Protein backbone atom coordinates (compact mmCIF):
# COMPACT_ATOMS: atom_id res chain seq x y z
CA MET A 1 19.58 29.81 -46.60
CA SER A 2 21.14 29.63 -43.22
CA GLY A 3 17.96 32.43 -42.62
CA ILE A 4 15.86 29.60 -43.19
CA GLU A 5 18.47 27.23 -40.86
CA GLU A 6 18.31 29.32 -38.51
CA ALA A 7 14.71 30.28 -38.11
CA GLY A 8 14.09 26.31 -37.70
CA ASP A 9 16.68 25.96 -35.09
CA SER A 10 15.06 28.61 -33.15
CA ARG A 11 11.74 27.07 -33.08
CA ILE A 12 13.16 23.82 -32.43
CA ARG A 13 14.86 25.27 -29.50
CA ARG A 14 11.63 26.92 -28.18
CA VAL A 15 9.68 23.74 -28.64
CA LEU A 16 12.26 21.95 -27.03
CA ALA A 17 12.46 24.92 -23.67
CA ARG A 18 8.37 24.72 -23.59
CA SER A 19 8.26 20.93 -23.04
CA ILE A 20 11.08 20.99 -20.66
CA THR A 21 9.27 24.01 -18.96
CA VAL A 22 5.87 21.77 -18.66
CA GLY A 23 7.47 18.36 -18.00
CA LEU A 24 9.52 19.86 -14.89
CA GLY A 25 6.21 21.88 -14.06
CA ALA A 26 4.06 18.72 -14.16
CA ALA A 27 6.70 16.99 -12.10
CA THR A 28 6.91 19.54 -9.55
CA LEU A 29 2.93 19.47 -9.26
CA ALA A 30 3.42 15.70 -8.61
CA VAL A 31 5.89 16.10 -6.03
CA ALA A 32 3.77 18.53 -3.73
CA LEU A 33 0.24 16.83 -4.13
CA ALA A 34 1.96 13.76 -2.85
CA SER A 35 1.56 12.44 0.64
CA PRO A 36 2.51 9.99 2.67
CA ALA A 37 0.52 6.94 3.17
CA THR A 38 -1.21 6.20 6.63
CA ALA A 39 -2.12 3.55 8.56
CA ALA A 40 -3.33 2.45 12.10
CA GLN A 41 -1.16 1.81 15.07
CA PRO A 42 -0.86 -1.66 15.33
CA ASN A 43 -1.20 -3.89 18.34
CA GLN A 44 1.45 -5.04 20.82
CA GLN A 45 3.57 -8.02 19.47
CA ALA A 46 2.28 -11.35 20.60
CA CYS A 47 -0.70 -9.79 22.94
CA LEU A 48 -2.95 -12.27 22.23
CA GLY A 49 -0.58 -15.57 23.18
CA GLU A 50 -0.30 -13.32 26.15
CA ASP A 51 -3.64 -13.19 27.07
CA ILE A 52 -4.19 -17.17 26.18
CA ARG A 53 -1.41 -17.75 28.42
CA THR A 54 -3.17 -16.05 31.43
CA TYR A 55 -6.76 -17.53 30.49
CA ALA A 56 -5.11 -21.45 30.64
CA GLY A 57 -3.53 -19.99 34.15
CA MET A 58 -7.12 -19.38 35.16
CA ARG A 59 -8.48 -22.60 34.52
CA ALA A 60 -11.73 -22.35 34.97
CA GLY A 61 -12.05 -19.31 32.34
CA PHE A 62 -10.12 -20.65 30.14
CA GLY A 63 -13.13 -23.37 29.25
CA ALA A 64 -15.70 -20.70 29.04
CA PHE A 65 -13.38 -18.43 27.05
CA VAL A 66 -12.63 -21.54 24.32
CA SER A 67 -16.30 -22.56 24.93
CA GLY A 68 -17.33 -18.88 23.69
CA LEU A 69 -15.34 -18.87 20.88
CA SER A 70 -16.80 -22.04 19.55
CA GLN A 71 -19.95 -20.27 19.69
CA GLY A 72 -19.76 -16.74 18.73
CA GLY A 73 -17.36 -17.57 15.73
CA VAL A 74 -13.56 -17.14 16.18
CA GLY A 75 -12.36 -14.52 13.72
CA GLU A 76 -14.58 -12.16 15.20
CA GLU A 77 -13.41 -12.69 18.86
CA ILE A 78 -9.66 -12.63 17.81
CA GLN A 79 -10.57 -9.55 15.91
CA ALA A 80 -11.76 -7.76 18.97
CA HIS A 81 -9.52 -8.66 21.44
CA LEU A 82 -6.16 -7.48 19.17
CA ALA A 83 -8.34 -4.29 18.24
CA GLY A 84 -8.55 -4.21 21.75
CA ASP A 85 -12.35 -3.71 21.88
CA VAL A 86 -12.73 -6.21 24.65
CA PRO A 87 -12.86 -4.39 28.20
CA ASP A 88 -10.51 -6.01 30.95
CA THR A 89 -13.56 -6.48 32.92
CA VAL A 90 -14.85 -8.85 30.66
CA THR A 91 -11.77 -10.79 30.07
CA PRO A 92 -7.79 -9.93 30.53
CA ASN A 93 -6.38 -8.28 27.68
CA SER A 94 -3.46 -6.44 26.94
CA CYS A 95 -4.08 -5.93 23.66
CA ASN A 96 -6.07 -2.54 24.64
CA ASP A 97 -3.45 -0.29 26.21
């Protein structure tokens, strides 16, 4: 009877060893294929506030700026400004450094 028990124990050990090997292999593969997340470069802090202060200091230009925002859609204009898509020749834009 001890021969049967030894054969059963041996089989359990082989199955356990294979399971551990497969698990470790899968974990190693998952770690090897993992890559860090990427993101766009953030814009400068408070660049929009600085630019609005500059527009207000220009006085006449500030009214045209506010008028343009109301006609063209504020969200699109602000997003373009923050992305640095507005050239300095159009309006002072410290977000496009």
